[in-house]
Amino acid sequence: MDLSIIIISYNTVDLIVNCLNSINSDDDVIKEVFVVDNASTDGSAAIIQRTFPAVHLIVNSDNRGFAAANNQVLSQCEGRYFFFLNPDTIVMPGVFKTAISYMESNTCIGLAGTKIVNPDGSLQDSVSYRYPGEKYTRGELSGLKGSIACVLGASMIARSNLIGELGGFDDKFFIYGEDQDLCLRIRKLGYEIGYIESAVVVHFGGQSERQSTSAELWKKKVTAEHLFYRKHYRFDTFSCIRRADMVKAYWRIFTLGMTMPFIQDKARAREKLVKYKIYLRSSSIDE
């Protein structure tokens, strides 16, 4: 088996069918497809089971989160490579063959992301060269291989034996941050993170979070950031990041409050207020 494709689905019935159809259109690679449904309420599981009988479908009774749901099926996968894919994507022809060829030609790469574009064809930012809060670190991340820090978890290929050695994702990350954490752990083992520009995947983005409020969304993101800091940085570094976040949050809340009457896009301004209030509240709790 060349490739094990793993998709975690949560209320994306209007998108996952197109995703699975795009996967099936690429027949040059011997592959298997796993879909883990995290207790969707939109009928996703029934449609997948009826329309794609070859897919290995696992239906959870509750939402276990992205990391834990991926880990559920790793032991069942037989591919030499794992391909982690979001349900709100469309895979362009030749992606899997190109990705496998890239990994086989670059043995120093442990995990690689594909090129990700928006539905209108514009490039989506999917490659990071620094980790969150890295500018506050003092030697904690020295000696890592390669220049890429992490790639977006919406579309990435990894060596199955390496993922097995790491024990998969850290399931303490419910959603957000698990791709950054995995990439950093891979680099700590001496591998590099790669980017496959010739393999293109369309990503609609954020579709599993459509039912979340702004406050819920930002709380999840900040929680993931703080988990990443506590896991990989020294306590004094985390404290420094937390203080900087609080100062920035206080200042932005003050300036937004003062200028709100003059801002045309008040919806966007309120969104920012929600974001900084979450940062302020989370940093205070961590104290």
C-alpha atoms as a PDB file:
ATOM      1  CA  MET A   1       0.000   0.000   0.000  1.00  0.00           C
ATOM      2  CA  ASP A   2       1.485   3.338  -1.088  1.00  0.00           C
ATOM      3  CA  LEU A   3      -0.717   5.734   0.801  1.00  0.00           C
ATOM      4  CA  SER A   4      -3.209   5.885   3.658  1.00  0.00           C
ATOM      5  CA  ILE A   5      -5.411   8.971   3.395  1.00  0.00           C
ATOM      6  CA  ILE A   6      -7.026  10.092   6.647  1.00  0.00           C
ATOM      7  CA  ILE A   7      -9.886  12.596   6.792  1.00  0.00           C
ATOM      8  CA  ILE A   8     -11.545  13.859   9.969  1.00  0.00           C
ATOM      9  CA  SER A   9     -15.110  14.999   9.298  1.00  0.00           C
ATOM     10  CA  TYR A  10     -17.407  17.144  11.403  1.00  0.00           C
ATOM     11  CA  ASN A  11     -20.594  18.520   9.823  1.00  0.00           C
ATOM     12  CA  THR A  12     -19.134  18.986   6.354  1.00  0.00           C
ATOM     13  CA  VAL A  13     -21.671  16.966   4.355  1.00  0.00           C
ATOM     14  CA  ASP A  14     -21.814  19.638   1.641  1.00  0.00           C
ATOM     15  CA  LEU A  15     -18.049  19.404   1.073  1.00  0.00           C
ATOM     16  CA  ILE A  16     -16.743  15.944   1.883  1.00  0.00           C
ATOM     17  CA  VAL A  17     -18.484  14.286  -1.091  1.00  0.00           C
ATOM     18  CA  ASN A  18     -16.541  16.515  -3.491  1.00  0.00           C
ATOM     19  CA  CYS A  19     -13.379  15.831  -1.511  1.00  0.00           C
ATOM     20  CA  LEU A  20     -13.801  12.051  -1.775  1.00  0.00           C
ATOM     21  CA  ASN A  21     -14.666  12.281  -5.471  1.00  0.00           C
ATOM     22  CA  SER A  22     -11.453  14.219  -6.101  1.00  0.00           C
ATOM     23  CA  ILE A  23      -9.468  11.537  -4.245  1.00  0.00           C
ATOM     24  CA  ASN A  24     -10.992   8.748  -6.336  1.00  0.00           C
ATOM     25  CA  SER A  25     -10.145  10.535  -9.579  1.00  0.00           C
ATOM     26  CA  ASP A  26      -6.425   9.950  -8.947  1.00  0.00           C
ATOM     27  CA  ASP A  27      -5.890   6.242  -9.682  1.00  0.00           C
ATOM     28  CA  ASP A  28      -2.119   6.221 -10.198  1.00  0.00           C
ATOM     29  CA  VAL A  29      -1.436   5.467  -6.534  1.00  0.00           C
ATOM     30  CA  ILE A  30      -2.371   2.366  -4.541  1.00  0.00           C
ATOM     31  CA  LYS A  31      -4.221   3.931  -1.640  1.00  0.00           C
ATOM     32  CA  GLU A  32      -6.764   3.427   1.084  1.00  0.00           C
ATOM     33  CA  VAL A  33      -9.060   6.073   2.535  1.00  0.00           C
ATOM     34  CA  PHE A  34     -10.152   6.424   6.151  1.00  0.00           C
ATOM     35  CA  VAL A  35     -12.848   8.866   7.266  1.00  0.00           C
ATOM     36  CA  VAL A  36     -13.399   9.424  10.974  1.00  0.00           C
ATOM     37  CA  ASP A  37     -16.707  11.173  11.605  1.00  0.00           C
ATOM     38  CA  ASN A  38     -16.682  13.116  14.865  1.00  0.00           C
ATOM     39  CA  ALA A  39     -20.388  12.786  15.710  1.00  0.00           C
ATOM     40  CA  SER A  40     -21.687  14.912  12.848  1.00  0.00           C
ATOM     41  CA  THR A  41     -25.356  15.808  12.960  1.00  0.00           C
ATOM     42  CA  ASP A  42     -25.786  16.585   9.262  1.00  0.00           C
ATOM     43  CA  GLY A  43     -26.015  13.024   7.931  1.00  0.00           C
ATOM     44  CA  SER A  44     -22.406  12.927   6.737  1.00  0.00           C
ATOM     45  CA  ALA A  45     -21.722   9.373   7.872  1.00  0.00           C
ATOM     46  CA  ALA A  46     -24.784   7.877   6.155  1.00  0.00           C
ATOM     47  CA  ILE A  47     -24.000   9.579   2.848  1.00  0.00           C
ATOM     48  CA  ILE A  48     -20.349   8.475   2.939  1.00  0.00           C
ATOM     49  CA  GLN A  49     -21.332   4.906   3.769  1.00  0.00           C
ATOM     50  CA  ARG A  50     -23.875   4.797   0.948  1.00  0.00           C
ATOM     51  CA  THR A  51     -21.878   6.637  -1.725  1.00  0.00           C
ATOM     52  CA  PHE A  52     -18.321   5.488  -0.992  1.00  0.00           C
ATOM     53  CA  PRO A  53     -18.461   1.837   0.167  1.00  0.00           C
ATOM     54  CA  ALA A  54     -14.699   1.421  -0.270  1.00  0.00           C
ATOM     55  CA  VAL A  55     -13.973   4.082   2.343  1.00  0.00           C
ATOM     56  CA  HIS A  56     -13.085   2.844   5.823  1.00  0.00           C
ATOM     57  CA  LEU A  57     -15.625   4.788   7.869  1.00  0.00           C
ATOM     58  CA  ILE A  58     -15.389   5.165  11.640  1.00  0.00           C
ATOM     59  CA  VAL A  59     -18.279   6.965  13.348  1.00  0.00           C
ATOM     60  CA  ASN A  60     -17.638   8.423  16.794  1.00  0.00           C
ATOM     61  CA  SER A  61     -20.431   8.947  19.298  1.00  0.00           C
ATOM     62  CA  ASP A  62     -18.857  12.228  20.392  1.00  0.00           C
ATOM     63  CA  ASN A  63     -16.517  14.829  18.952  1.00  0.00           C
ATOM     64  CA  ARG A  64     -13.051  13.627  19.950  1.00  0.00           C
ATOM     65  CA  GLY A  65     -11.195  16.443  18.238  1.00  0.00           C
ATOM     66  CA  PHE A  66      -8.812  16.415  15.288  1.00  0.00           C
ATOM     67  CA  ALA A  67      -5.718  14.899  16.888  1.00  0.00           C
ATOM     68  CA  ALA A  68      -7.433  12.056  18.757  1.00  0.00           C
ATOM     69  CA  ALA A  69      -9.593  11.148  15.757  1.00  0.00           C
ATOM     70  CA  ASN A  70      -6.513  10.826  13.538  1.00  0.00           C
ATOM     71  CA  ASN A  71      -4.790   8.660  16.119  1.00  0.00           C
ATOM     72  CA  GLN A  72      -7.799   6.332  16.200  1.00  0.00           C
ATOM     73  CA  VAL A  73      -7.010   4.847  12.798  1.00  0.00           C
ATOM     74  CA  LEU A  74      -3.219   5.010  12.552  1.00  0.00           C
ATOM     75  CA  SER A  75      -2.800   1.398  13.686  1.00  0.00           C
ATOM     76  CA  GLN A  76      -5.204   0.257  10.937  1.00  0.00           C
ATOM     77  CA  CYS A  77      -3.379   2.088   8.142  1.00  0.00           C
ATOM     78  CA  GLU A  78      -1.128   0.027   5.875  1.00  0.00           C
ATOM     79  CA  GLY A  79       0.376   2.758   3.701  1.00  0.00           C
ATOM     80  CA  ARG A  80       4.060   3.589   3.578  1.00  0.00           C
ATOM     81  CA  TYR A  81       2.940   7.187   3.855  1.00  0.00           C
ATOM     82  CA  PHE A  82       0.094   8.888   5.694  1.00  0.00           C
ATOM     83  CA  PHE A  83      -1.746  11.718   3.974  1.00  0.00           C
ATOM     84  CA  PHE A  84      -3.696  13.928   6.396  1.00  0.00           C
ATOM     85  CA  LEU A  85      -6.450  15.768   4.532  1.00  0.00           C
ATOM     86  CA  ASN A  86      -9.257  18.103   5.551  1.00  0.00           C
ATOM     87  CA  PRO A  87     -12.791  17.361   4.323  1.00  0.00           C
ATOM     88  CA  ASP A  88     -13.194  20.903   2.946  1.00  0.00           C
ATOM     89  CA  THR A  89     -10.607  20.302   0.221  1.00  0.00           C
ATOM     90  CA  ILE A  90     -10.465  19.273  -3.428  1.00  0.00           C
ATOM     91  CA  VAL A  91      -7.385  17.359  -4.510  1.00  0.00           C
ATOM     92  CA  MET A  92      -6.062  18.315  -7.927  1.00  0.00           C
ATOM     93  CA  PRO A  93      -4.948  15.500 -10.297  1.00  0.00           C
ATOM     94  CA  GLY A  94      -1.545  13.965  -9.581  1.00  0.00           C
ATOM     95  CA  VAL A  95      -1.191  15.275  -6.034  1.00  0.00           C
ATOM     96  CA  PHE A  96      -0.645  11.903  -4.376  1.00  0.00           C
ATOM     97  CA  LYS A  97       1.829  10.621  -6.956  1.00  0.00           C
ATOM     98  CA  THR A  98       3.747  13.907  -6.804  1.00  0.00           C
ATOM     99  CA  ALA A  99       3.788  13.895  -3.004  1.00  0.00           C
ATOM    100  CA  ILE A 100       5.090  10.328  -2.776  1.00  0.00           C
ATOM    101  CA  SER A 101       7.772  11.029  -5.384  1.00  0.00           C
ATOM    102  CA  TYR A 102       8.863  14.092  -3.411  1.00  0.00           C
ATOM    103  CA  MET A 103       9.155  12.132  -0.170  1.00  0.00           C
ATOM    104  CA  GLU A 104      11.105   9.330  -1.830  1.00  0.00           C
ATOM    105  CA  SER A 105      13.520  11.836  -3.387  1.00  0.00           C
ATOM    106  CA  ASN A 106      14.035  13.747  -0.136  1.00  0.00           C
ATOM    107  CA  THR A 107      14.817  11.267   2.610  1.00  0.00           C
ATOM    108  CA  CYS A 108      15.669  14.119   5.012  1.00  0.00           C
ATOM    109  CA  ILE A 109      12.016  15.221   4.978  1.00  0.00           C
ATOM    110  CA  GLY A 110       9.781  13.691   7.638  1.00  0.00           C
ATOM    111  CA  LEU A 111       6.579  15.511   6.745  1.00  0.00           C
ATOM    112  CA  ALA A 112       5.631  17.864   3.921  1.00  0.00           C
ATOM    113  CA  GLY A 113       2.728  20.132   3.096  1.00  0.00           C
ATOM    114  CA  THR A 114       1.262  20.633  -0.345  1.00  0.00           C
ATOM    115  CA  LYS A 115       0.564  23.911  -2.062  1.00  0.00           C
ATOM    116  CA  ILE A 116      -2.840  25.107  -0.876  1.00  0.00           C
ATOM    117  CA  VAL A 117      -4.989  27.540  -2.816  1.00  0.00           C
ATOM    118  CA  ASN A 118      -8.290  29.258  -2.132  1.00  0.00           C
ATOM    119  CA  PRO A 119     -11.353  28.439  -4.260  1.00  0.00           C
ATOM    120  CA  ASP A 120     -10.601  31.495  -6.426  1.00  0.00           C
ATOM    121  CA  GLY A 121      -7.117  30.139  -7.158  1.00  0.00           C
ATOM    122  CA  SER A 122      -5.199  32.580  -4.975  1.00  0.00           C
ATOM    123  CA  LEU A 123      -2.442  31.200  -2.784  1.00  0.00           C
ATOM    124  CA  GLN A 124      -3.400  30.316   0.779  1.00  0.00           C
ATOM    125  CA  ASP A 125      -0.778  30.930   3.451  1.00  0.00           C
ATOM    126  CA  SER A 126       0.161  27.417   4.581  1.00  0.00           C
ATOM    127  CA  VAL A 127       3.876  27.549   5.414  1.00  0.00           C
ATOM    128  CA  SER A 128       5.367  29.035   8.583  1.00  0.00           C
ATOM    129  CA  TYR A 129       9.056  29.652   9.196  1.00  0.00           C
ATOM    130  CA  ARG A 130       8.673  30.426  12.894  1.00  0.00           C
ATOM    131  CA  TYR A 131       6.637  28.848  15.671  1.00  0.00           C
ATOM    132  CA  PRO A 132       4.154  30.831  17.756  1.00  0.00           C
ATOM    133  CA  GLY A 133       6.003  32.959  20.278  1.00  0.00           C
ATOM    134  CA  GLU A 134       9.392  31.845  18.923  1.00  0.00           C
ATOM    135  CA  LYS A 135      10.812  35.396  19.019  1.00  0.00           C
ATOM    136  CA  TYR A 136      10.686  35.193  22.817  1.00  0.00           C
ATOM    137  CA  THR A 137      12.690  31.971  22.998  1.00  0.00           C
ATOM    138  CA  ARG A 138      16.358  31.880  23.938  1.00  0.00           C
ATOM    139  CA  GLY A 139      17.889  28.738  22.568  1.00  0.00           C
ATOM    140  CA  GLU A 140      14.970  26.395  23.161  1.00  0.00           C
ATOM    141  CA  LEU A 141      14.647  25.668  19.447  1.00  0.00           C
ATOM    142  CA  SER A 142      18.282  25.786  18.390  1.00  0.00           C
ATOM    143  CA  GLY A 143      19.743  23.060  16.185  1.00  0.00           C
ATOM    144  CA  LEU A 144      16.548  22.134  14.342  1.00  0.00           C
ATOM    145  CA  LYS A 145      16.897  20.892  10.773  1.00  0.00           C
ATOM    146  CA  GLY A 146      15.576  22.859   7.806  1.00  0.00           C
ATOM    147  CA  SER A 147      14.049  26.326   7.491  1.00  0.00           C
ATOM    148  CA  ILE A 148      10.336  25.484   7.544  1.00  0.00           C
ATOM    149  CA  ALA A 149       8.810  25.428  11.031  1.00  0.00           C
ATOM    150  CA  CYS A 150       5.448  23.917  10.136  1.00  0.00           C
ATOM    151  CA  VAL A 151       2.848  23.503   7.416  1.00  0.00           C
ATOM    152  CA  LEU A 152      -0.928  23.703   7.535  1.00  0.00           C
ATOM    153  CA  GLY A 153      -2.527  20.435   8.624  1.00  0.00           C
ATOM    154  CA  ALA A 154      -5.231  20.661   5.936  1.00  0.00           C
ATOM    155  CA  SER A 155      -3.058  18.735   3.466  1.00  0.00           C
ATOM    156  CA  MET A 156       0.201  17.043   4.406  1.00  0.00           C
ATOM    157  CA  ILE A 157       2.065  13.793   3.819  1.00  0.00           C
ATOM    158  CA  ALA A 158       4.259  12.039   6.393  1.00  0.00           C
ATOM    159  CA  ARG A 159       6.312   8.875   6.718  1.00  0.00           C
ATOM    160  CA  SER A 160       4.137   6.310   8.471  1.00  0.00           C
ATOM    161  CA  ASN A 161       7.023   4.754  10.419  1.00  0.00           C
ATOM    162  CA  LEU A 162       7.993   8.182  11.746  1.00  0.00           C
ATOM    163  CA  ILE A 163       4.440   9.008  12.830  1.00  0.00           C
ATOM    164  CA  GLY A 164       4.316   5.625  14.530  1.00  0.00           C
ATOM    165  CA  GLU A 165       7.557   6.344  16.361  1.00  0.00           C
ATOM    166  CA  LEU A 166       6.087   9.618  17.637  1.00  0.00           C
ATOM    167  CA  GLY A 167       2.840   7.972  18.682  1.00  0.00           C
ATOM    168  CA  GLY A 168       0.824  10.112  16.266  1.00  0.00           C
ATOM    169  CA  PHE A 169      -0.582  13.502  17.174  1.00  0.00           C
ATOM    170  CA  ASP A 170      -0.645  14.774  20.735  1.00  0.00           C
ATOM    171  CA  ASP A 171      -4.339  14.389  21.545  1.00  0.00           C
ATOM    172  CA  LYS A 172      -4.132  17.057  24.246  1.00  0.00           C
ATOM    173  CA  PHE A 173      -4.643  19.395  21.289  1.00  0.00           C
ATOM    174  CA  PHE A 174      -8.372  19.225  20.552  1.00  0.00           C
ATOM    175  CA  ILE A 175      -8.232  21.435  17.469  1.00  0.00           C
ATOM    176  CA  TYR A 176      -5.573  23.940  16.316  1.00  0.00           C
ATOM    177  CA  GLY A 177      -1.894  23.673  17.174  1.00  0.00           C
ATOM    178  CA  GLU A 178      -1.611  19.917  16.603  1.00  0.00           C
ATOM    179  CA  ASP A 179       0.070  20.414  13.214  1.00  0.00           C
ATOM    180  CA  GLN A 180       2.620  22.846  14.697  1.00  0.00           C
ATOM    181  CA  ASP A 181       3.323  20.451  17.549  1.00  0.00           C
ATOM    182  CA  LEU A 182       3.747  17.463  15.237  1.00  0.00           C
ATOM    183  CA  CYS A 183       6.083  19.355  12.914  1.00  0.00           C
ATOM    184  CA  LEU A 184       8.252  20.494  15.816  1.00  0.00           C
ATOM    185  CA  ARG A 185       8.479  16.983  17.253  1.00  0.00           C
ATOM    186  CA  ILE A 186       9.507  15.667  13.836  1.00  0.00           C
ATOM    187  CA  ARG A 187      12.251  18.287  13.574  1.00  0.00           C
ATOM    188  CA  LYS A 188      13.452  17.416  17.083  1.00  0.00           C
ATOM    189  CA  LEU A 189      14.068  13.892  15.765  1.00  0.00           C
ATOM    190  CA  GLY A 190      16.401  15.320  13.132  1.00  0.00           C
ATOM    191  CA  TYR A 191      14.085  15.513  10.115  1.00  0.00           C
ATOM    192  CA  GLU A 192      13.085  18.534   8.051  1.00  0.00           C
ATOM    193  CA  ILE A 193       9.631  19.794   7.109  1.00  0.00           C
ATOM    194  CA  GLY A 194       9.039  20.116   3.371  1.00  0.00           C
ATOM    195  CA  TYR A 195       6.783  21.963   0.947  1.00  0.00           C
ATOM    196  CA  ILE A 196       5.567  20.434  -2.332  1.00  0.00           C
ATOM    197  CA  GLU A 197       4.754  23.352  -4.612  1.00  0.00           C
ATOM    198  CA  SER A 198       3.815  21.143  -7.569  1.00  0.00           C
ATOM    199  CA  ALA A 199       1.074  19.333  -5.600  1.00  0.00           C
ATOM    200  CA  VAL A 200      -1.994  21.575  -5.439  1.00  0.00           C
ATOM    201  CA  VAL A 201      -4.998  21.228  -3.133  1.00  0.00           C
ATOM    202  CA  VAL A 202      -7.970  23.617  -3.001  1.00  0.00           C
ATOM    203  CA  HIS A 203      -8.982  24.461   0.567  1.00  0.00           C
ATOM    204  CA  PHE A 204     -12.252  26.179   1.488  1.00  0.00           C
ATOM    205  CA  GLY A 205     -11.100  26.699   5.077  1.00  0.00           C
ATOM    206  CA  GLY A 206     -12.778  26.843   8.470  1.00  0.00           C
ATOM    207  CA  GLN A 207     -15.832  24.864   7.425  1.00  0.00           C
ATOM    208  CA  SER A 208     -15.934  22.650  10.509  1.00  0.00           C
ATOM    209  CA  GLU A 209     -16.111  25.764  12.681  1.00  0.00           C
ATOM    210  CA  ARG A 210     -19.068  27.390  10.943  1.00  0.00           C
ATOM    211  CA  GLN A 211     -21.303  26.787  13.955  1.00  0.00           C
ATOM    212  CA  SER A 212     -18.822  28.204  16.479  1.00  0.00           C
ATOM    213  CA  THR A 213     -19.152  31.754  17.782  1.00  0.00           C
ATOM    214  CA  SER A 214     -16.197  34.126  17.554  1.00  0.00           C
ATOM    215  CA  ALA A 215     -15.563  33.745  21.275  1.00  0.00           C
ATOM    216  CA  GLU A 216     -15.610  29.937  21.052  1.00  0.00           C
ATOM    217  CA  LEU A 217     -13.267  29.973  18.067  1.00  0.00           C
ATOM    218  CA  TRP A 218     -10.715  32.280  19.653  1.00  0.00           C
ATOM    219  CA  LYS A 219     -10.860  30.407  22.948  1.00  0.00           C
ATOM    220  CA  LYS A 220      -9.909  27.201  21.107  1.00  0.00           C
ATOM    221  CA  LYS A 221      -7.034  28.944  19.319  1.00  0.00           C
ATOM    222  CA  VAL A 222      -5.645  30.584  22.455  1.00  0.00           C
ATOM    223  CA  THR A 223      -5.966  27.352  24.434  1.00  0.00           C
ATOM    224  CA  ALA A 224      -3.949  25.554  21.738  1.00  0.00           C
ATOM    225  CA  GLU A 225      -1.294  28.281  21.728  1.00  0.00           C
ATOM    226  CA  HIS A 226      -0.833  28.106  25.487  1.00  0.00           C
ATOM    227  CA  LEU A 227      -0.629  24.309  25.382  1.00  0.00           C
ATOM    228  CA  PHE A 228       2.099  24.591  22.739  1.00  0.00           C
ATOM    229  CA  TYR A 229       4.038  27.107  24.849  1.00  0.00           C
ATOM    230  CA  ARG A 230       3.824  25.025  28.026  1.00  0.00           C
ATOM    231  CA  LYS A 231       4.937  21.904  26.185  1.00  0.00           C
ATOM    232  CA  HIS A 232       7.879  23.245  24.211  1.00  0.00           C
ATOM    233  CA  TYR A 233       9.144  26.409  25.964  1.00  0.00           C
ATOM    234  CA  ARG A 234      10.644  27.120  29.340  1.00  0.00           C
ATOM    235  CA  PHE A 235       8.354  28.514  32.021  1.00  0.00           C
ATOM    236  CA  ASP A 236      10.030  31.930  31.954  1.00  0.00           C
ATOM    237  CA  THR A 237       9.595  32.093  28.176  1.00  0.00           C
ATOM    238  CA  PHE A 238       5.892  31.280  28.483  1.00  0.00           C
ATOM    239  CA  SER A 239       5.556  33.931  31.195  1.00  0.00           C
ATOM    240  CA  CYS A 240       7.186  36.486  28.913  1.00  0.00           C
ATOM    241  CA  ILE A 241       4.823  35.616  26.045  1.00  0.00           C
ATOM    242  CA  ARG A 242       1.836  35.798  28.356  1.00  0.00           C
ATOM    243  CA  ARG A 243       2.814  39.258  29.639  1.00  0.00           C
ATOM    244  CA  ALA A 244       3.348  40.518  26.093  1.00  0.00           C
ATOM    245  CA  ASP A 245      -0.073  39.190  25.054  1.00  0.00           C
ATOM    246  CA  MET A 246      -1.723  40.922  28.018  1.00  0.00           C
ATOM    247  CA  VAL A 247      -0.070  44.262  27.279  1.00  0.00           C
ATOM    248  CA  LYS A 248      -1.067  44.054  23.623  1.00  0.00           C
ATOM    249  CA  ALA A 249      -4.609  43.029  24.528  1.00  0.00           C
ATOM    250  CA  TYR A 250      -5.053  45.909  27.002  1.00  0.00           C
ATOM    251  CA  TRP A 251      -3.752  48.407  24.459  1.00  0.00           C
ATOM    252  CA  ARG A 252      -5.861  47.111  21.553  1.00  0.00           C
ATOM    253  CA  ILE A 253      -9.033  46.971  23.663  1.00  0.00           C
ATOM    254  CA  PHE A 254      -8.413  50.575  24.757  1.00  0.00           C
ATOM    255  CA  THR A 255      -7.713  51.898  21.248  1.00  0.00           C
ATOM    256  CA  LEU A 256     -10.620  50.016  19.678  1.00  0.00           C
ATOM    257  CA  GLY A 257     -12.937  51.358  22.367  1.00  0.00           C
ATOM    258  CA  MET A 258     -11.775  54.922  21.712  1.00  0.00           C
ATOM    259  CA  THR A 259     -12.027  54.711  17.902  1.00  0.00           C
ATOM    260  CA  MET A 260     -15.146  52.525  17.582  1.00  0.00           C
ATOM    261  CA  PRO A 261     -17.491  55.465  16.795  1.00  0.00           C
ATOM    262  CA  PHE A 262     -15.295  56.397  13.820  1.00  0.00           C
ATOM    263  CA  ILE A 263     -14.669  52.889  12.405  1.00  0.00           C
ATOM    264  CA  GLN A 264     -16.688  52.027   9.306  1.00  0.00           C
ATOM    265  CA  ASP A 265     -16.321  48.240   9.548  1.00  0.00           C
ATOM    266  CA  LYS A 266     -17.703  47.849  13.049  1.00  0.00           C
ATOM    267  CA  ALA A 267     -18.300  44.102  12.663  1.00  0.00           C
ATOM    268  CA  ARG A 268     -14.593  43.516  12.064  1.00  0.00           C
ATOM    269  CA  ALA A 269     -13.688  45.810  14.953  1.00  0.00           C
ATOM    270  CA  ARG A 270     -15.992  43.881  17.299  1.00  0.00           C
ATOM    271  CA  GLU A 271     -14.386  40.641  16.117  1.00  0.00           C
ATOM    272  CA  LYS A 272     -11.002  42.044  17.143  1.00  0.00           C
ATOM    273  CA  LEU A 273     -12.400  43.073  20.509  1.00  0.00           C
ATOM    274  CA  VAL A 274     -13.601  39.520  21.104  1.00  0.00           C
ATOM    275  CA  LYS A 275     -10.169  38.192  20.149  1.00  0.00           C
ATOM    276  CA  TYR A 276      -8.231  40.459  22.528  1.00  0.00           C
ATOM    277  CA  LYS A 277     -10.652  39.940  25.402  1.00  0.00           C
ATOM    278  CA  ILE A 278     -10.136  36.176  25.039  1.00  0.00           C
ATOM    279  CA  TYR A 279      -6.340  36.664  25.067  1.00  0.00           C
ATOM    280  CA  LEU A 280      -6.618  38.863  28.141  1.00  0.00           C
ATOM    281  CA  ARG A 281      -8.884  36.464  30.006  1.00  0.00           C
ATOM    282  CA  SER A 282      -6.800  33.393  29.109  1.00  0.00           C
ATOM    283  CA  SER A 283      -3.514  35.032  30.098  1.00  0.00           C
ATOM    284  CA  SER A 284      -5.006  36.129  33.423  1.00  0.00           C
ATOM    285  CA  ILE A 285      -6.236  32.609  34.162  1.00  0.00           C
ATOM    286  CA  ASP A 286      -2.776  31.186  33.458  1.00  0.00           C
ATOM    287  CA  GLU A 287      -1.285  33.488  36.070  1.00  0.00           C
END
